[in-house]
Amino acid sequence: MNAHLTLISHHLCPYVQRAAIALAEKGVAFERVHIDLADKPDWFLKISPLDKVPLLRVPQEGGEAILFESSVICEYLEEALPGAKLHPSEPLNRARHRGWMEFGSSILSDLWIFETTQDAETLETKQKALRSKFATVEAELGDGPYFAGVGFSLVDAVFAPIFRYFDVFDRISDHGVFHGLPRLRGWRQALSARPSVVTAVTEDYPERLLAFLKRHDAALLKARKIAA
């Protein structure tokens, strides 16, 4: 059954990346189907309750089940499939991890405005918000290399797509959001080298993201490069 799992995707969606990373960490073969969110196909609209990606199509006897929302998909993969455990076994620690996954989602909300705003003042406000949230994460990190130490978890799957944005943003300007955060920088570096993270996007991801920023006339593109 696992070989017939299908992940409905969009090239830039960070929530899709979470599911793709979790599938890879579980060692599960799956098909990936990319759609254009600006021109959603009818078949997608019929099966997506929220008209959003990701969706996971799970074959069932006589049909299939459709899972939506990245956190739900990741939890299903953790509970239903063999392979590496991506959540702590102890209930309190597992609940803490779920909380930090939600914290990562709040960062993505700030990032959406950060990357799409055409207003320099809004850009600066969101930059400060991101810096503050990353400082909060820094205080939670240990010696690494991952969020909870040597073991990769779903929290890592949530934050890897966040850091990937900055691999592109850093080409444009130095926003200072990681300044003074050595543990966070080490975590970011470790995640960027993880095979499941590398393969969660297509090779042309940077070009696609830059094109997205240009289409939105993002203020981010007008930011000056700050000397190191």
C-alpha atoms as a PDB file:
ATOM      1  CA  MET A   1       0.000   0.000   0.000  1.00  0.00           C
ATOM      2  CA  ASN A   2       2.766   2.447   0.891  1.00  0.00           C
ATOM      3  CA  ALA A   3       4.083   2.460  -2.680  1.00  0.00           C
ATOM      4  CA  HIS A   4       0.766   3.887  -3.814  1.00  0.00           C
ATOM      5  CA  LEU A   5       0.665   6.881  -1.481  1.00  0.00           C
ATOM      6  CA  THR A   6       0.322  10.086  -3.477  1.00  0.00           C
ATOM      7  CA  LEU A   7       1.330  13.511  -2.177  1.00  0.00           C
ATOM      8  CA  ILE A   8      -0.457  16.388  -3.902  1.00  0.00           C
ATOM      9  CA  SER A   9       2.034  19.204  -3.947  1.00  0.00           C
ATOM     10  CA  HIS A  10       3.084  22.672  -4.990  1.00  0.00           C
ATOM     11  CA  HIS A  11       6.702  23.473  -5.757  1.00  0.00           C
ATOM     12  CA  LEU A  12       7.060  26.231  -3.140  1.00  0.00           C
ATOM     13  CA  CYS A  13       4.710  25.149  -0.366  1.00  0.00           C
ATOM     14  CA  PRO A  14       6.573  24.693   2.953  1.00  0.00           C
ATOM     15  CA  TYR A  15       3.712  22.613   4.360  1.00  0.00           C
ATOM     16  CA  VAL A  16       4.074  20.132   1.520  1.00  0.00           C
ATOM     17  CA  GLN A  17       7.778  19.915   2.325  1.00  0.00           C
ATOM     18  CA  ARG A  18       6.962  18.785   5.870  1.00  0.00           C
ATOM     19  CA  ALA A  19       5.031  15.810   4.558  1.00  0.00           C
ATOM     20  CA  ALA A  20       7.660  14.990   1.934  1.00  0.00           C
ATOM     21  CA  ILE A  21      10.383  15.045   4.588  1.00  0.00           C
ATOM     22  CA  ALA A  22       8.372  12.804   6.913  1.00  0.00           C
ATOM     23  CA  LEU A  23       7.704  10.326   4.087  1.00  0.00           C
ATOM     24  CA  ALA A  24      11.403  10.230   3.213  1.00  0.00           C
ATOM     25  CA  GLU A  25      12.425   9.762   6.852  1.00  0.00           C
ATOM     26  CA  LYS A  26       9.989   6.855   7.087  1.00  0.00           C
ATOM     27  CA  GLY A  27      11.539   5.330   3.977  1.00  0.00           C
ATOM     28  CA  VAL A  28       8.183   5.269   2.216  1.00  0.00           C
ATOM     29  CA  ALA A  29       7.910   5.237  -1.562  1.00  0.00           C
ATOM     30  CA  PHE A  30       5.331   7.710  -2.818  1.00  0.00           C
ATOM     31  CA  GLU A  31       4.227   9.511  -5.932  1.00  0.00           C
ATOM     32  CA  ARG A  32       4.306  13.300  -5.979  1.00  0.00           C
ATOM     33  CA  VAL A  33       1.911  15.329  -8.106  1.00  0.00           C
ATOM     34  CA  HIS A  34       2.500  19.072  -8.443  1.00  0.00           C
ATOM     35  CA  ILE A  35      -0.400  21.394  -9.173  1.00  0.00           C
ATOM     36  CA  ASP A  36      -0.638  25.082 -10.018  1.00  0.00           C
ATOM     37  CA  LEU A  37      -2.370  26.815  -7.113  1.00  0.00           C
ATOM     38  CA  ALA A  38      -3.173  29.748  -9.385  1.00  0.00           C
ATOM     39  CA  ASP A  39      -5.081  27.414 -11.687  1.00  0.00           C
ATOM     40  CA  LYS A  40      -6.311  24.530  -9.552  1.00  0.00           C
ATOM     41  CA  PRO A  41      -7.530  21.521 -11.533  1.00  0.00           C
ATOM     42  CA  ASP A  42     -11.128  20.412 -11.074  1.00  0.00           C
ATOM     43  CA  TRP A  43     -10.138  16.993  -9.734  1.00  0.00           C
ATOM     44  CA  PHE A  44      -8.167  18.711  -6.957  1.00  0.00           C
ATOM     45  CA  LEU A  45     -11.045  21.002  -5.988  1.00  0.00           C
ATOM     46  CA  LYS A  46     -13.296  17.975  -5.673  1.00  0.00           C
ATOM     47  CA  ILE A  47     -11.077  16.231  -3.113  1.00  0.00           C
ATOM     48  CA  SER A  48      -9.534  19.141  -1.169  1.00  0.00           C
ATOM     49  CA  PRO A  49     -11.913  20.472   1.524  1.00  0.00           C
ATOM     50  CA  LEU A  50      -9.834  23.626   2.010  1.00  0.00           C
ATOM     51  CA  ASP A  51      -8.586  23.973  -1.592  1.00  0.00           C
ATOM     52  CA  LYS A  52      -5.038  23.776  -0.241  1.00  0.00           C
ATOM     53  CA  VAL A  53      -2.005  21.505  -0.419  1.00  0.00           C
ATOM     54  CA  PRO A  54      -0.736  19.169   0.800  1.00  0.00           C
ATOM     55  CA  LEU A  55      -3.124  16.316   0.308  1.00  0.00           C
ATOM     56  CA  LEU A  56      -2.190  12.695   0.866  1.00  0.00           C
ATOM     57  CA  ARG A  57      -4.117  10.116  -1.123  1.00  0.00           C
ATOM     58  CA  VAL A  58      -4.139   6.862   0.853  1.00  0.00           C
ATOM     59  CA  PRO A  59      -5.436   3.772  -0.967  1.00  0.00           C
ATOM     60  CA  GLN A  60      -8.152   1.799   0.767  1.00  0.00           C
ATOM     61  CA  GLU A  61     -10.051  -1.281  -0.216  1.00  0.00           C
ATOM     62  CA  GLY A  62     -12.562  -0.133  -2.798  1.00  0.00           C
ATOM     63  CA  GLY A  63     -11.304   3.434  -2.942  1.00  0.00           C
ATOM     64  CA  GLU A  64      -9.038   5.876  -1.133  1.00  0.00           C
ATOM     65  CA  ALA A  65      -8.899   8.213   1.855  1.00  0.00           C
ATOM     66  CA  ILE A  66      -7.863  11.846   1.457  1.00  0.00           C
ATOM     67  CA  LEU A  67      -5.866  13.426   4.261  1.00  0.00           C
ATOM     68  CA  PHE A  68      -5.427  17.204   4.376  1.00  0.00           C
ATOM     69  CA  GLU A  69      -3.446  19.581   6.612  1.00  0.00           C
ATOM     70  CA  SER A  70       0.282  18.911   6.917  1.00  0.00           C
ATOM     71  CA  SER A  71       0.265  18.305  10.679  1.00  0.00           C
ATOM     72  CA  VAL A  72      -2.479  15.672  10.292  1.00  0.00           C
ATOM     73  CA  ILE A  73      -0.590  13.980   7.473  1.00  0.00           C
ATOM     74  CA  CYS A  74       2.641  13.894   9.486  1.00  0.00           C
ATOM     75  CA  GLU A  75       0.867  12.489  12.542  1.00  0.00           C
ATOM     76  CA  TYR A  76      -0.739   9.781  10.403  1.00  0.00           C
ATOM     77  CA  LEU A  77       2.613   8.811   8.910  1.00  0.00           C
ATOM     78  CA  GLU A  78       4.128   8.619  12.385  1.00  0.00           C
ATOM     79  CA  GLU A  79       1.346   6.464  13.789  1.00  0.00           C
ATOM     80  CA  ALA A  80       0.573   4.225  10.826  1.00  0.00           C
ATOM     81  CA  LEU A  81       3.872   3.509   9.153  1.00  0.00           C
ATOM     82  CA  PRO A  82       6.996   1.645  10.256  1.00  0.00           C
ATOM     83  CA  GLY A  83      10.429   3.172  10.134  1.00  0.00           C
ATOM     84  CA  ALA A  84      12.153   5.833  12.188  1.00  0.00           C
ATOM     85  CA  LYS A  85      10.150   7.345  15.032  1.00  0.00           C
ATOM     86  CA  LEU A  86       9.757  11.081  14.500  1.00  0.00           C
ATOM     87  CA  HIS A  87       7.979  11.884  17.780  1.00  0.00           C
ATOM     88  CA  PRO A  88       9.216  11.259  21.338  1.00  0.00           C
ATOM     89  CA  SER A  89       7.658   8.233  23.004  1.00  0.00           C
ATOM     90  CA  GLU A  90       7.030  10.012  26.319  1.00  0.00           C
ATOM     91  CA  PRO A  91       3.657  11.839  26.285  1.00  0.00           C
ATOM     92  CA  LEU A  92       4.763  15.125  27.853  1.00  0.00           C
ATOM     93  CA  ASN A  93       7.785  15.465  25.591  1.00  0.00           C
ATOM     94  CA  ARG A  94       5.660  14.514  22.584  1.00  0.00           C
ATOM     95  CA  ALA A  95       3.190  17.269  23.497  1.00  0.00           C
ATOM     96  CA  ARG A  96       6.065  19.759  23.773  1.00  0.00           C
ATOM     97  CA  HIS A  97       7.216  18.817  20.286  1.00  0.00           C
ATOM     98  CA  ARG A  98       3.730  19.386  18.932  1.00  0.00           C
ATOM     99  CA  GLY A  99       3.776  22.823  20.542  1.00  0.00           C
ATOM    100  CA  TRP A 100       7.041  23.720  18.817  1.00  0.00           C
ATOM    101  CA  MET A 101       5.597  22.514  15.525  1.00  0.00           C
ATOM    102  CA  GLU A 102       2.819  25.066  16.011  1.00  0.00           C
ATOM    103  CA  PHE A 103       5.421  27.689  16.861  1.00  0.00           C
ATOM    104  CA  GLY A 104       7.065  26.921  13.522  1.00  0.00           C
ATOM    105  CA  SER A 105       3.732  27.491  11.827  1.00  0.00           C
ATOM    106  CA  SER A 106       3.509  30.920  13.457  1.00  0.00           C
ATOM    107  CA  ILE A 107       6.924  31.742  11.997  1.00  0.00           C
ATOM    108  CA  LEU A 108       5.656  30.745   8.565  1.00  0.00           C
ATOM    109  CA  SER A 109       2.762  33.189   8.979  1.00  0.00           C
ATOM    110  CA  ASP A 110       5.251  36.020   9.566  1.00  0.00           C
ATOM    111  CA  LEU A 111       7.404  34.784   6.694  1.00  0.00           C
ATOM    112  CA  TRP A 112       4.496  34.945   4.251  1.00  0.00           C
ATOM    113  CA  ILE A 113       4.119  38.680   4.843  1.00  0.00           C
ATOM    114  CA  PHE A 114       7.907  39.127   5.002  1.00  0.00           C
ATOM    115  CA  GLU A 115       8.327  37.717   1.514  1.00  0.00           C
ATOM    116  CA  THR A 116       5.263  39.215  -0.153  1.00  0.00           C
ATOM    117  CA  THR A 117       4.924  42.718   1.297  1.00  0.00           C
ATOM    118  CA  GLN A 118       5.652  45.638  -1.015  1.00  0.00           C
ATOM    119  CA  ASP A 119       6.053  47.993   1.937  1.00  0.00           C
ATOM    120  CA  ALA A 120       9.517  48.546   3.429  1.00  0.00           C
ATOM    121  CA  GLU A 121       8.131  49.419   6.867  1.00  0.00           C
ATOM    122  CA  THR A 122       6.101  46.212   7.029  1.00  0.00           C
ATOM    123  CA  LEU A 123       9.184  44.295   5.917  1.00  0.00           C
ATOM    124  CA  GLU A 124      11.168  45.750   8.812  1.00  0.00           C
ATOM    125  CA  THR A 125       8.386  44.974  11.302  1.00  0.00           C
ATOM    126  CA  LYS A 126       8.225  41.357  10.213  1.00  0.00           C
ATOM    127  CA  GLN A 127      12.010  41.124  10.263  1.00  0.00           C
ATOM    128  CA  LYS A 128      11.962  42.117  13.937  1.00  0.00           C
ATOM    129  CA  ALA A 129       9.186  39.625  14.667  1.00  0.00           C
ATOM    130  CA  LEU A 130      11.171  36.839  13.020  1.00  0.00           C
ATOM    131  CA  ARG A 131      14.322  37.752  14.916  1.00  0.00           C
ATOM    132  CA  SER A 132      12.402  37.639  18.195  1.00  0.00           C
ATOM    133  CA  LYS A 133      10.851  34.256  17.437  1.00  0.00           C
ATOM    134  CA  PHE A 134      14.148  32.760  16.334  1.00  0.00           C
ATOM    135  CA  ALA A 135      15.715  33.989  19.589  1.00  0.00           C
ATOM    136  CA  THR A 136      12.973  32.124  21.465  1.00  0.00           C
ATOM    137  CA  VAL A 137      13.850  28.944  19.565  1.00  0.00           C
ATOM    138  CA  GLU A 138      17.565  29.473  20.230  1.00  0.00           C
ATOM    139  CA  ALA A 139      16.869  29.384  23.977  1.00  0.00           C
ATOM    140  CA  GLU A 140      15.191  25.982  23.578  1.00  0.00           C
ATOM    141  CA  LEU A 141      17.955  24.301  21.600  1.00  0.00           C
ATOM    142  CA  GLY A 142      20.592  22.038  23.085  1.00  0.00           C
ATOM    143  CA  ASP A 143      23.844  20.845  21.573  1.00  0.00           C
ATOM    144  CA  GLY A 144      22.158  19.511  18.435  1.00  0.00           C
ATOM    145  CA  PRO A 145      22.625  18.776  15.720  1.00  0.00           C
ATOM    146  CA  TYR A 146      18.818  18.632  15.606  1.00  0.00           C
ATOM    147  CA  PHE A 147      16.032  20.118  17.689  1.00  0.00           C
ATOM    148  CA  ALA A 148      16.048  17.334  20.279  1.00  0.00           C
ATOM    149  CA  GLY A 149      19.691  16.299  19.936  1.00  0.00           C
ATOM    150  CA  VAL A 150      20.937  13.510  17.702  1.00  0.00           C
ATOM    151  CA  GLY A 151      17.510  12.225  16.687  1.00  0.00           C
ATOM    152  CA  PHE A 152      15.588  13.784  13.786  1.00  0.00           C
ATOM    153  CA  SER A 153      11.973  14.665  14.649  1.00  0.00           C
ATOM    154  CA  LEU A 154       8.874  16.224  13.152  1.00  0.00           C
ATOM    155  CA  VAL A 155       9.952  19.551  14.661  1.00  0.00           C
ATOM    156  CA  ASP A 156      12.960  19.369  12.350  1.00  0.00           C
ATOM    157  CA  ALA A 157      10.640  18.627   9.436  1.00  0.00           C
ATOM    158  CA  VAL A 158       8.705  21.808  10.255  1.00  0.00           C
ATOM    159  CA  PHE A 159      11.723  24.099  10.566  1.00  0.00           C
ATOM    160  CA  ALA A 160      13.715  22.812   7.584  1.00  0.00           C
ATOM    161  CA  PRO A 161      11.420  24.540   5.025  1.00  0.00           C
ATOM    162  CA  ILE A 162      11.613  27.742   7.085  1.00  0.00           C
ATOM    163  CA  PHE A 163      15.398  27.777   6.895  1.00  0.00           C
ATOM    164  CA  ARG A 164      15.267  26.927   3.179  1.00  0.00           C
ATOM    165  CA  TYR A 165      13.578  30.259   2.511  1.00  0.00           C
ATOM    166  CA  PHE A 166      16.604  32.024   3.931  1.00  0.00           C
ATOM    167  CA  ASP A 167      18.977  30.123   1.668  1.00  0.00           C
ATOM    168  CA  VAL A 168      17.393  32.258  -1.063  1.00  0.00           C
ATOM    169  CA  PHE A 169      16.761  35.399   0.999  1.00  0.00           C
ATOM    170  CA  ASP A 170      20.430  35.498   2.010  1.00  0.00           C
ATOM    171  CA  ARG A 171      21.350  35.962  -1.641  1.00  0.00           C
ATOM    172  CA  ILE A 172      19.403  39.213  -1.604  1.00  0.00           C
ATOM    173  CA  SER A 173      20.363  40.809   1.689  1.00  0.00           C
ATOM    174  CA  ASP A 174      21.563  40.126   5.202  1.00  0.00           C
ATOM    175  CA  HIS A 175      18.441  40.488   7.337  1.00  0.00           C
ATOM    176  CA  GLY A 176      20.186  39.832  10.611  1.00  0.00           C
ATOM    177  CA  VAL A 177      17.553  37.406  11.884  1.00  0.00           C
ATOM    178  CA  PHE A 178      20.157  34.786  12.800  1.00  0.00           C
ATOM    179  CA  HIS A 179      22.776  37.137  14.247  1.00  0.00           C
ATOM    180  CA  GLY A 180      23.881  36.055  17.711  1.00  0.00           C
ATOM    181  CA  LEU A 181      22.084  32.707  17.449  1.00  0.00           C
ATOM    182  CA  PRO A 182      24.863  30.107  17.060  1.00  0.00           C
ATOM    183  CA  ARG A 183      22.768  27.072  17.961  1.00  0.00           C
ATOM    184  CA  LEU A 184      20.083  28.040  15.482  1.00  0.00           C
ATOM    185  CA  ARG A 185      22.690  28.516  12.755  1.00  0.00           C
ATOM    186  CA  GLY A 186      24.152  25.094  13.521  1.00  0.00           C
ATOM    187  CA  TRP A 187      20.695  23.537  13.397  1.00  0.00           C
ATOM    188  CA  ARG A 188      19.989  25.248  10.098  1.00  0.00           C
ATOM    189  CA  GLN A 189      23.239  23.910   8.637  1.00  0.00           C
ATOM    190  CA  ALA A 190      22.557  20.361   9.822  1.00  0.00           C
ATOM    191  CA  LEU A 191      19.073  20.381   8.328  1.00  0.00           C
ATOM    192  CA  SER A 192      20.269  21.754   4.992  1.00  0.00           C
ATOM    193  CA  ALA A 193      22.515  18.696   4.592  1.00  0.00           C
ATOM    194  CA  ARG A 194      19.858  16.121   5.526  1.00  0.00           C
ATOM    195  CA  PRO A 195      18.943  14.005   2.444  1.00  0.00           C
ATOM    196  CA  SER A 196      15.214  14.086   3.232  1.00  0.00           C
ATOM    197  CA  VAL A 197      15.353  17.879   3.367  1.00  0.00           C
ATOM    198  CA  VAL A 198      17.390  18.227   0.188  1.00  0.00           C
ATOM    199  CA  THR A 199      14.982  16.074  -1.822  1.00  0.00           C
ATOM    200  CA  ALA A 200      11.815  17.717  -0.439  1.00  0.00           C
ATOM    201  CA  VAL A 201      11.941  20.295  -3.245  1.00  0.00           C
ATOM    202  CA  THR A 202      12.884  20.268  -6.905  1.00  0.00           C
ATOM    203  CA  GLU A 203      16.313  21.502  -7.972  1.00  0.00           C
ATOM    204  CA  ASP A 204      14.836  24.689  -9.424  1.00  0.00           C
ATOM    205  CA  TYR A 205      13.319  25.760  -6.082  1.00  0.00           C
ATOM    206  CA  PRO A 206      15.558  28.872  -5.726  1.00  0.00           C
ATOM    207  CA  GLU A 207      14.650  30.109  -9.202  1.00  0.00           C
ATOM    208  CA  ARG A 208      10.959  29.480  -8.577  1.00  0.00           C
ATOM    209  CA  LEU A 209      11.060  31.390  -5.292  1.00  0.00           C
ATOM    210  CA  LEU A 210      12.881  34.341  -6.843  1.00  0.00           C
ATOM    211  CA  ALA A 211      10.327  34.420  -9.652  1.00  0.00           C
ATOM    212  CA  PHE A 212       7.546  34.396  -7.043  1.00  0.00           C
ATOM    213  CA  LEU A 213       9.120  37.391  -5.271  1.00  0.00           C
ATOM    214  CA  LYS A 214       9.405  39.281  -8.552  1.00  0.00           C
ATOM    215  CA  ARG A 215       5.757  38.626  -9.422  1.00  0.00           C
ATOM    216  CA  HIS A 216       4.750  40.114  -6.075  1.00  0.00           C
ATOM    217  CA  ASP A 217       7.135  43.074  -6.484  1.00  0.00           C
ATOM    218  CA  ALA A 218       8.385  42.167  -3.013  1.00  0.00           C
ATOM    219  CA  ALA A 219      10.102  44.851  -0.969  1.00  0.00           C
ATOM    220  CA  LEU A 220      12.542  42.122  -0.008  1.00  0.00           C
ATOM    221  CA  LEU A 221      14.111  42.357  -3.464  1.00  0.00           C
ATOM    222  CA  LYS A 222      14.880  46.033  -2.917  1.00  0.00           C
ATOM    223  CA  ALA A 223      16.663  45.482   0.381  1.00  0.00           C
ATOM    224  CA  ARG A 224      20.325  46.434   0.423  1.00  0.00           C
ATOM    225  CA  LYS A 225      23.025  43.897   1.060  1.00  0.00           C
ATOM    226  CA  ILE A 226      24.521  44.626   4.472  1.00  0.00           C
ATOM    227  CA  ALA A 227      28.281  44.265   4.763  1.00  0.00           C
ATOM    228  CA  ALA A 228      29.396  41.480   7.090  1.00  0.00           C
END
